[in-house]
Amino acid sequence: MYDEAMQRCTDRQLSSGVLFDALHLVAAEHAGADALVTFNGSEFLRLAAPTSPRIVIPPDPPEVTL
């Protein structure tokens, strides 16, 4: 998965810490996840592939009532 994440970053000419986002996304793809929830949506959207899970960006701050 690491090689796949690195290749995805290389293909999109992305570097630095975005590799860690790519690793999360590739792992979610391999796990068959339906969605990936993140506050860092812009990074994941530019890494997404047609087989990627749906990227869900919650409101900031989250609307939580306890």
Protein backbone atom coordinates (compact mmCIF):
# COMPACT_ATOMS: atom_id res chain seq x y z
CA MET A 1 0.00 0.00 0.00
CA TYR A 2 2.90 2.33 0.70
CA ASP A 3 4.13 2.02 -2.88
CA GLU A 4 0.62 2.65 -4.19
CA ALA A 5 0.28 5.76 -2.01
CA MET A 6 3.69 7.05 -3.15
CA GLN A 7 2.76 6.46 -6.79
CA ARG A 8 -0.51 8.33 -6.37
CA CYS A 9 1.35 11.32 -4.91
CA THR A 10 3.95 11.17 -7.69
CA ASP A 11 1.29 10.97 -10.40
CA ARG A 12 -0.33 14.12 -8.98
CA GLN A 13 3.01 15.86 -8.35
CA LEU A 14 2.30 16.07 -4.61
CA SER A 15 4.97 15.86 -1.93
CA SER A 16 5.66 16.13 1.77
CA GLY A 17 3.03 15.26 4.40
CA VAL A 18 0.34 14.51 1.81
CA LEU A 19 1.88 11.02 1.64
CA PHE A 20 0.32 10.25 5.03
CA ASP A 21 -3.12 11.24 3.74
CA ALA A 22 -2.52 9.06 0.69
CA LEU A 23 -1.67 6.12 2.96
CA HIS A 24 -4.93 6.56 4.87
CA LEU A 25 -6.92 6.76 1.65
CA VAL A 26 -5.26 3.75 0.01
CA ALA A 27 -5.75 1.72 3.20
CA ALA A 28 -9.45 2.69 3.24
CA GLU A 29 -9.75 1.59 -0.40
CA HIS A 30 -8.12 -1.77 0.34
CA ALA A 31 -10.37 -2.24 3.37
CA GLY A 32 -13.47 -1.62 1.25
CA ALA A 33 -14.55 1.42 3.27
CA ASP A 34 -17.69 3.19 2.10
CA ALA A 35 -16.61 6.59 3.43
CA LEU A 36 -13.64 8.40 4.92
CA VAL A 37 -14.47 11.21 7.36
CA THR A 38 -11.93 14.04 7.63
CA PHE A 39 -11.64 17.72 8.42
CA ASN A 40 -8.83 17.82 5.83
CA GLY A 41 -11.09 17.26 2.86
CA SER A 42 -9.12 19.21 0.27
CA GLU A 43 -6.12 16.89 0.59
CA PHE A 44 -8.19 13.73 0.30
CA LEU A 45 -10.30 15.02 -2.58
CA ARG A 46 -7.22 15.67 -4.70
CA LEU A 47 -5.92 12.17 -3.91
CA ALA A 48 -9.21 10.37 -4.59
CA ALA A 49 -9.55 7.84 -7.37
CA PRO A 50 -12.72 6.42 -8.92
CA THR A 51 -12.44 3.46 -6.51
CA SER A 52 -12.00 5.66 -3.43
CA PRO A 53 -14.55 5.77 -0.63
CA ARG A 54 -16.75 8.84 -0.41
CA ILE A 55 -14.91 11.71 1.28
CA VAL A 56 -17.09 13.18 4.05
CA ILE A 57 -16.21 16.57 5.50
CA PRO A 58 -18.14 17.31 8.72
CA PRO A 59 -18.95 20.86 9.72
CA ASP A 60 -16.29 22.63 11.82
CA PRO A 61 -17.02 22.63 14.66
CA PRO A 62 -19.03 19.43 14.47
CA GLU A 63 -22.69 19.74 15.32
CA VAL A 64 -22.76 17.46 18.35
CA THR A 65 -25.24 17.68 21.17
CA LEU A 66 -24.66 15.56 24.25
